[in-house]
């Protein structure tokens, strides 16, 4: 299973890189630029929304985070110290400084206020019909989602990151929805 997931990660990263590389400037600027209605119902003032800082060709939630912050949501970003350590979510305001963490992640300083996300925008390499995600392979989000049982997890992806079925392990956690540049997908 490890080799199958590794091969699929490489394949979907290549597909994603090529797709994003061929997007027009206009398509790039419009993608993930506004909170869609089906997500906005979960983002009332005071709700903690966790996002991430995109790396490479990942779907970029930055404008969604800014809009949610302007609407009164508390914004959090993940903080990672190692592959084995649990990921924490730390409060962050758009414009606050970020530090470089492991794996090329940009994250809040370790001294920032820890918060518990109500809604999470989750990066992924691929997603399937059951809203299972193929992540980077360290298991940080699966471990976090397993203890955030009442949180609403939304995968953020380009539409070409879809696969009808992905291999998954018993510990892999499904998403509640996926937001692509084209649609909102939920079960």
C-alpha atoms as a PDB file:
ATOM      1  CA  UNK A   1       0.000   0.000   0.000  1.00  0.00           C
ATOM      2  CA  UNK A   2       2.866   2.396   0.797  1.00  0.00           C
ATOM      3  CA  UNK A   3       4.355   1.988  -2.696  1.00  0.00           C
ATOM      4  CA  UNK A   4       0.931   2.420  -4.346  1.00  0.00           C
ATOM      5  CA  UNK A   5       0.280   5.643  -2.431  1.00  0.00           C
ATOM      6  CA  UNK A   6       3.798   6.902  -3.174  1.00  0.00           C
ATOM      7  CA  UNK A   7       3.316   6.307  -6.918  1.00  0.00           C
ATOM      8  CA  UNK A   8      -0.094   7.993  -6.879  1.00  0.00           C
ATOM      9  CA  UNK A   9       1.320  11.000  -5.029  1.00  0.00           C
ATOM     10  CA  UNK A  10       4.007  11.425  -7.683  1.00  0.00           C
ATOM     11  CA  UNK A  11       1.460  11.032 -10.491  1.00  0.00           C
ATOM     12  CA  UNK A  12      -1.071  13.486  -9.050  1.00  0.00           C
ATOM     13  CA  UNK A  13       1.608  16.061  -8.214  1.00  0.00           C
ATOM     14  CA  UNK A  14       2.781  15.915 -11.839  1.00  0.00           C
ATOM     15  CA  UNK A  15      -0.792  16.262 -13.132  1.00  0.00           C
ATOM     16  CA  UNK A  16      -1.449  19.153 -10.735  1.00  0.00           C
ATOM     17  CA  UNK A  17       1.788  20.949 -11.655  1.00  0.00           C
ATOM     18  CA  UNK A  18       1.031  20.678 -15.384  1.00  0.00           C
ATOM     19  CA  UNK A  19      -2.585  21.811 -14.933  1.00  0.00           C
ATOM     20  CA  UNK A  20      -1.702  24.845 -12.833  1.00  0.00           C
ATOM     21  CA  UNK A  21       1.195  25.684 -15.156  1.00  0.00           C
ATOM     22  CA  UNK A  22      -1.232  25.932 -18.077  1.00  0.00           C
ATOM     23  CA  UNK A  23      -3.893  28.033 -16.323  1.00  0.00           C
ATOM     24  CA  UNK A  24      -4.381  31.543 -17.652  1.00  0.00           C
ATOM     25  CA  UNK A  25      -3.648  34.459 -15.328  1.00  0.00           C
ATOM     26  CA  UNK A  26      -7.390  35.186 -15.245  1.00  0.00           C
ATOM     27  CA  UNK A  27      -8.282  31.606 -14.267  1.00  0.00           C
ATOM     28  CA  UNK A  28      -5.627  31.628 -11.553  1.00  0.00           C
ATOM     29  CA  UNK A  29      -6.851  34.936 -10.142  1.00  0.00           C
ATOM     30  CA  UNK A  30     -10.478  33.760 -10.028  1.00  0.00           C
ATOM     31  CA  UNK A  31      -9.781  30.342  -8.499  1.00  0.00           C
ATOM     32  CA  UNK A  32     -10.487  30.157  -4.763  1.00  0.00           C
ATOM     33  CA  UNK A  33     -11.017  33.923  -4.668  1.00  0.00           C
ATOM     34  CA  UNK A  34     -14.393  33.987  -2.858  1.00  0.00           C
ATOM     35  CA  UNK A  35     -16.019  31.876  -0.176  1.00  0.00           C
ATOM     36  CA  UNK A  36     -18.801  29.862  -1.852  1.00  0.00           C
ATOM     37  CA  UNK A  37     -22.272  29.872  -0.322  1.00  0.00           C
ATOM     38  CA  UNK A  38     -22.137  26.274   0.885  1.00  0.00           C
ATOM     39  CA  UNK A  39     -18.995  27.045   2.867  1.00  0.00           C
ATOM     40  CA  UNK A  40     -20.108  30.474   4.097  1.00  0.00           C
ATOM     41  CA  UNK A  41     -22.874  28.884   6.166  1.00  0.00           C
ATOM     42  CA  UNK A  42     -20.162  27.313   8.325  1.00  0.00           C
ATOM     43  CA  UNK A  43     -18.203  30.554   8.753  1.00  0.00           C
ATOM     44  CA  UNK A  44     -20.064  32.734  11.222  1.00  0.00           C
ATOM     45  CA  UNK A  45     -18.233  35.313  13.378  1.00  0.00           C
ATOM     46  CA  UNK A  46     -16.124  33.673  16.075  1.00  0.00           C
ATOM     47  CA  UNK A  47     -15.745  30.367  14.212  1.00  0.00           C
ATOM     48  CA  UNK A  48     -12.158  29.133  14.080  1.00  0.00           C
ATOM     49  CA  UNK A  49     -11.181  28.451  10.462  1.00  0.00           C
ATOM     50  CA  UNK A  50      -7.908  26.614   9.907  1.00  0.00           C
ATOM     51  CA  UNK A  51      -6.181  26.965   6.577  1.00  0.00           C
ATOM     52  CA  UNK A  52      -2.645  26.528   5.329  1.00  0.00           C
ATOM     53  CA  UNK A  53      -0.027  28.312   3.269  1.00  0.00           C
ATOM     54  CA  UNK A  54       0.053  26.697  -0.181  1.00  0.00           C
ATOM     55  CA  UNK A  55       3.276  25.187  -1.461  1.00  0.00           C
ATOM     56  CA  UNK A  56       3.972  25.024  -5.184  1.00  0.00           C
ATOM     57  CA  UNK A  57       0.882  24.188  -7.217  1.00  0.00           C
ATOM     58  CA  UNK A  58      -1.400  23.433  -4.236  1.00  0.00           C
ATOM     59  CA  UNK A  59      -4.789  25.149  -4.239  1.00  0.00           C
ATOM     60  CA  UNK A  60      -4.210  28.427  -2.405  1.00  0.00           C
ATOM     61  CA  UNK A  61      -6.675  29.302   0.393  1.00  0.00           C
ATOM     62  CA  UNK A  62      -5.114  32.687   1.215  1.00  0.00           C
ATOM     63  CA  UNK A  63      -7.949  34.840  -0.170  1.00  0.00           C
ATOM     64  CA  UNK A  64     -10.559  32.627   1.495  1.00  0.00           C
ATOM     65  CA  UNK A  65      -8.763  33.087   4.831  1.00  0.00           C
ATOM     66  CA  UNK A  66      -8.623  36.869   4.408  1.00  0.00           C
ATOM     67  CA  UNK A  67     -12.332  37.042   3.532  1.00  0.00           C
ATOM     68  CA  UNK A  68     -13.267  34.839   6.504  1.00  0.00           C
ATOM     69  CA  UNK A  69     -11.135  37.003   8.800  1.00  0.00           C
ATOM     70  CA  UNK A  70     -12.891  40.126   7.510  1.00  0.00           C
ATOM     71  CA  UNK A  71     -16.226  38.431   8.322  1.00  0.00           C
ATOM     72  CA  UNK A  72     -15.169  37.852  11.943  1.00  0.00           C
ATOM     73  CA  UNK A  73     -13.714  34.338  11.857  1.00  0.00           C
ATOM     74  CA  UNK A  74     -10.642  33.463  13.876  1.00  0.00           C
ATOM     75  CA  UNK A  75      -7.942  32.160  11.535  1.00  0.00           C
ATOM     76  CA  UNK A  76      -5.505  29.391  12.394  1.00  0.00           C
ATOM     77  CA  UNK A  77      -2.639  27.783  10.550  1.00  0.00           C
ATOM     78  CA  UNK A  78      -0.969  24.448  11.241  1.00  0.00           C
ATOM     79  CA  UNK A  79       2.303  24.295  13.123  1.00  0.00           C
ATOM     80  CA  UNK A  80       4.492  21.239  12.597  1.00  0.00           C
ATOM     81  CA  UNK A  81       7.769  20.385  14.308  1.00  0.00           C
ATOM     82  CA  UNK A  82       8.464  16.912  12.890  1.00  0.00           C
ATOM     83  CA  UNK A  83       6.926  14.028  10.981  1.00  0.00           C
ATOM     84  CA  UNK A  84       6.133  12.170  14.209  1.00  0.00           C
ATOM     85  CA  UNK A  85       4.863  15.088  16.326  1.00  0.00           C
ATOM     86  CA  UNK A  86       1.184  15.995  16.261  1.00  0.00           C
ATOM     87  CA  UNK A  87       0.244  19.070  14.281  1.00  0.00           C
ATOM     88  CA  UNK A  88      -1.062  22.005  16.307  1.00  0.00           C
ATOM     89  CA  UNK A  89      -3.262  24.822  15.065  1.00  0.00           C
ATOM     90  CA  UNK A  90      -2.109  28.304  16.063  1.00  0.00           C
ATOM     91  CA  UNK A  91      -3.974  31.582  15.747  1.00  0.00           C
ATOM     92  CA  UNK A  92      -2.847  33.777  12.886  1.00  0.00           C
ATOM     93  CA  UNK A  93      -4.067  37.041  11.409  1.00  0.00           C
ATOM     94  CA  UNK A  94      -3.571  37.812   7.721  1.00  0.00           C
ATOM     95  CA  UNK A  95      -0.387  39.857   7.447  1.00  0.00           C
ATOM     96  CA  UNK A  96       1.238  38.359  10.560  1.00  0.00           C
ATOM     97  CA  UNK A  97       4.781  37.100  10.085  1.00  0.00           C
ATOM     98  CA  UNK A  98       5.341  33.412   9.410  1.00  0.00           C
ATOM     99  CA  UNK A  99       8.394  31.275  10.042  1.00  0.00           C
ATOM    100  CA  UNK A 100       9.732  28.418   7.970  1.00  0.00           C
ATOM    101  CA  UNK A 101       9.008  25.005   9.422  1.00  0.00           C
ATOM    102  CA  UNK A 102       9.811  21.466   8.355  1.00  0.00           C
ATOM    103  CA  UNK A 103       8.948  20.268   4.836  1.00  0.00           C
ATOM    104  CA  UNK A 104       9.056  23.868   3.522  1.00  0.00           C
ATOM    105  CA  UNK A 105       5.923  24.829   5.482  1.00  0.00           C
ATOM    106  CA  UNK A 106       5.343  28.456   6.388  1.00  0.00           C
ATOM    107  CA  UNK A 107       3.709  28.609   9.806  1.00  0.00           C
ATOM    108  CA  UNK A 108       3.059  30.826  12.825  1.00  0.00           C
ATOM    109  CA  UNK A 109       5.689  31.089  15.516  1.00  0.00           C
ATOM    110  CA  UNK A 110       5.422  28.323  18.129  1.00  0.00           C
ATOM    111  CA  UNK A 111       4.444  30.928  20.745  1.00  0.00           C
ATOM    112  CA  UNK A 112       1.203  31.886  18.955  1.00  0.00           C
ATOM    113  CA  UNK A 113      -2.080  31.071  20.693  1.00  0.00           C
ATOM    114  CA  UNK A 114      -3.251  27.465  20.189  1.00  0.00           C
ATOM    115  CA  UNK A 115      -6.856  27.144  18.983  1.00  0.00           C
ATOM    116  CA  UNK A 116      -9.246  24.315  18.113  1.00  0.00           C
ATOM    117  CA  UNK A 117     -10.547  24.566  14.543  1.00  0.00           C
ATOM    118  CA  UNK A 118     -14.280  24.405  13.874  1.00  0.00           C
ATOM    119  CA  UNK A 119     -13.728  24.321  10.104  1.00  0.00           C
ATOM    120  CA  UNK A 120     -10.571  23.221   8.302  1.00  0.00           C
ATOM    121  CA  UNK A 121      -9.396  23.867   4.760  1.00  0.00           C
ATOM    122  CA  UNK A 122      -7.226  20.828   4.109  1.00  0.00           C
ATOM    123  CA  UNK A 123      -4.540  20.490   1.424  1.00  0.00           C
ATOM    124  CA  UNK A 124      -4.383  17.269  -0.532  1.00  0.00           C
ATOM    125  CA  UNK A 125      -2.693  15.501  -3.401  1.00  0.00           C
ATOM    126  CA  UNK A 126      -5.860  13.705  -4.610  1.00  0.00           C
ATOM    127  CA  UNK A 127      -9.454  12.966  -3.535  1.00  0.00           C
ATOM    128  CA  UNK A 128     -12.036  10.345  -4.472  1.00  0.00           C
ATOM    129  CA  UNK A 129     -15.780   9.626  -4.622  1.00  0.00           C
ATOM    130  CA  UNK A 130     -15.882   8.786  -0.909  1.00  0.00           C
ATOM    131  CA  UNK A 131     -14.136  12.086  -0.059  1.00  0.00           C
ATOM    132  CA  UNK A 132     -11.037  10.227   1.035  1.00  0.00           C
ATOM    133  CA  UNK A 133      -7.875  12.235   0.505  1.00  0.00           C
ATOM    134  CA  UNK A 134      -4.381  11.297  -0.461  1.00  0.00           C
ATOM    135  CA  UNK A 135      -2.158  13.596   1.546  1.00  0.00           C
ATOM    136  CA  UNK A 136       1.572  14.164   1.650  1.00  0.00           C
ATOM    137  CA  UNK A 137       2.188  10.944   3.559  1.00  0.00           C
ATOM    138  CA  UNK A 138       3.117  12.107   7.058  1.00  0.00           C
ATOM    139  CA  UNK A 139      -0.395  11.583   8.480  1.00  0.00           C
ATOM    140  CA  UNK A 140      -0.590  14.974  10.198  1.00  0.00           C
ATOM    141  CA  UNK A 141      -4.096  15.802   8.975  1.00  0.00           C
ATOM    142  CA  UNK A 142      -5.443  12.280   9.537  1.00  0.00           C
ATOM    143  CA  UNK A 143      -4.235  12.404  13.154  1.00  0.00           C
ATOM    144  CA  UNK A 144      -5.627  15.918  13.636  1.00  0.00           C
ATOM    145  CA  UNK A 145      -9.008  15.090  12.092  1.00  0.00           C
ATOM    146  CA  UNK A 146      -9.305  11.961  14.234  1.00  0.00           C
ATOM    147  CA  UNK A 147      -9.394  14.109  17.396  1.00  0.00           C
ATOM    148  CA  UNK A 148     -11.418  16.988  15.905  1.00  0.00           C
ATOM    149  CA  UNK A 149     -14.579  14.897  15.610  1.00  0.00           C
ATOM    150  CA  UNK A 150     -17.020  17.820  15.452  1.00  0.00           C
ATOM    151  CA  UNK A 151     -14.993  19.892  13.008  1.00  0.00           C
ATOM    152  CA  UNK A 152     -16.000  20.344   9.367  1.00  0.00           C
ATOM    153  CA  UNK A 153     -13.128  19.378   7.031  1.00  0.00           C
ATOM    154  CA  UNK A 154     -13.063  20.725   3.481  1.00  0.00           C
ATOM    155  CA  UNK A 155     -10.392  19.536   1.075  1.00  0.00           C
ATOM    156  CA  UNK A 156      -9.124  22.257  -1.221  1.00  0.00           C
ATOM    157  CA  UNK A 157      -8.085  20.922  -4.621  1.00  0.00           C
ATOM    158  CA  UNK A 158      -7.916  21.493  -8.329  1.00  0.00           C
ATOM    159  CA  UNK A 159     -10.562  19.519 -10.194  1.00  0.00           C
ATOM    160  CA  UNK A 160      -7.914  17.380 -11.913  1.00  0.00           C
ATOM    161  CA  UNK A 161      -6.895  15.978  -8.512  1.00  0.00           C
ATOM    162  CA  UNK A 162      -9.999  13.780  -8.560  1.00  0.00           C
ATOM    163  CA  UNK A 163      -9.802   9.998  -8.804  1.00  0.00           C
ATOM    164  CA  UNK A 164     -12.854   7.701  -8.623  1.00  0.00           C
ATOM    165  CA  UNK A 165     -11.154   5.615  -5.927  1.00  0.00           C
ATOM    166  CA  UNK A 166      -7.939   5.938  -3.956  1.00  0.00           C
ATOM    167  CA  UNK A 167      -6.229   3.388  -1.755  1.00  0.00           C
ATOM    168  CA  UNK A 168      -6.718   4.155   1.903  1.00  0.00           C
ATOM    169  CA  UNK A 169      -5.736   2.725   5.246  1.00  0.00           C
ATOM    170  CA  UNK A 170      -8.023   2.284   8.272  1.00  0.00           C
ATOM    171  CA  UNK A 171      -6.577   5.423   9.889  1.00  0.00           C
ATOM    172  CA  UNK A 172      -7.204   7.675   6.871  1.00  0.00           C
ATOM    173  CA  UNK A 173      -9.936  10.194   7.660  1.00  0.00           C
ATOM    174  CA  UNK A 174     -12.607  11.238   5.129  1.00  0.00           C
ATOM    175  CA  UNK A 175     -13.428  14.851   4.401  1.00  0.00           C
ATOM    176  CA  UNK A 176     -16.864  16.420   4.782  1.00  0.00           C
ATOM    177  CA  UNK A 177     -16.565  18.181   1.427  1.00  0.00           C
ATOM    178  CA  UNK A 178     -14.133  19.174  -1.306  1.00  0.00           C
ATOM    179  CA  UNK A 179     -13.941  22.612  -2.901  1.00  0.00           C
ATOM    180  CA  UNK A 180     -12.367  22.828  -6.358  1.00  0.00           C
ATOM    181  CA  UNK A 181     -12.035  25.761  -8.728  1.00  0.00           C
ATOM    182  CA  UNK A 182     -15.181  24.419 -10.427  1.00  0.00           C
ATOM    183  CA  UNK A 183     -17.445  22.941  -7.758  1.00  0.00           C
ATOM    184  CA  UNK A 184     -18.410  22.047  -4.208  1.00  0.00           C
ATOM    185  CA  UNK A 185     -18.505  18.294  -3.680  1.00  0.00           C
ATOM    186  CA  UNK A 186     -20.136  16.586  -0.695  1.00  0.00           C
ATOM    187  CA  UNK A 187     -21.825  13.259   0.016  1.00  0.00           C
END
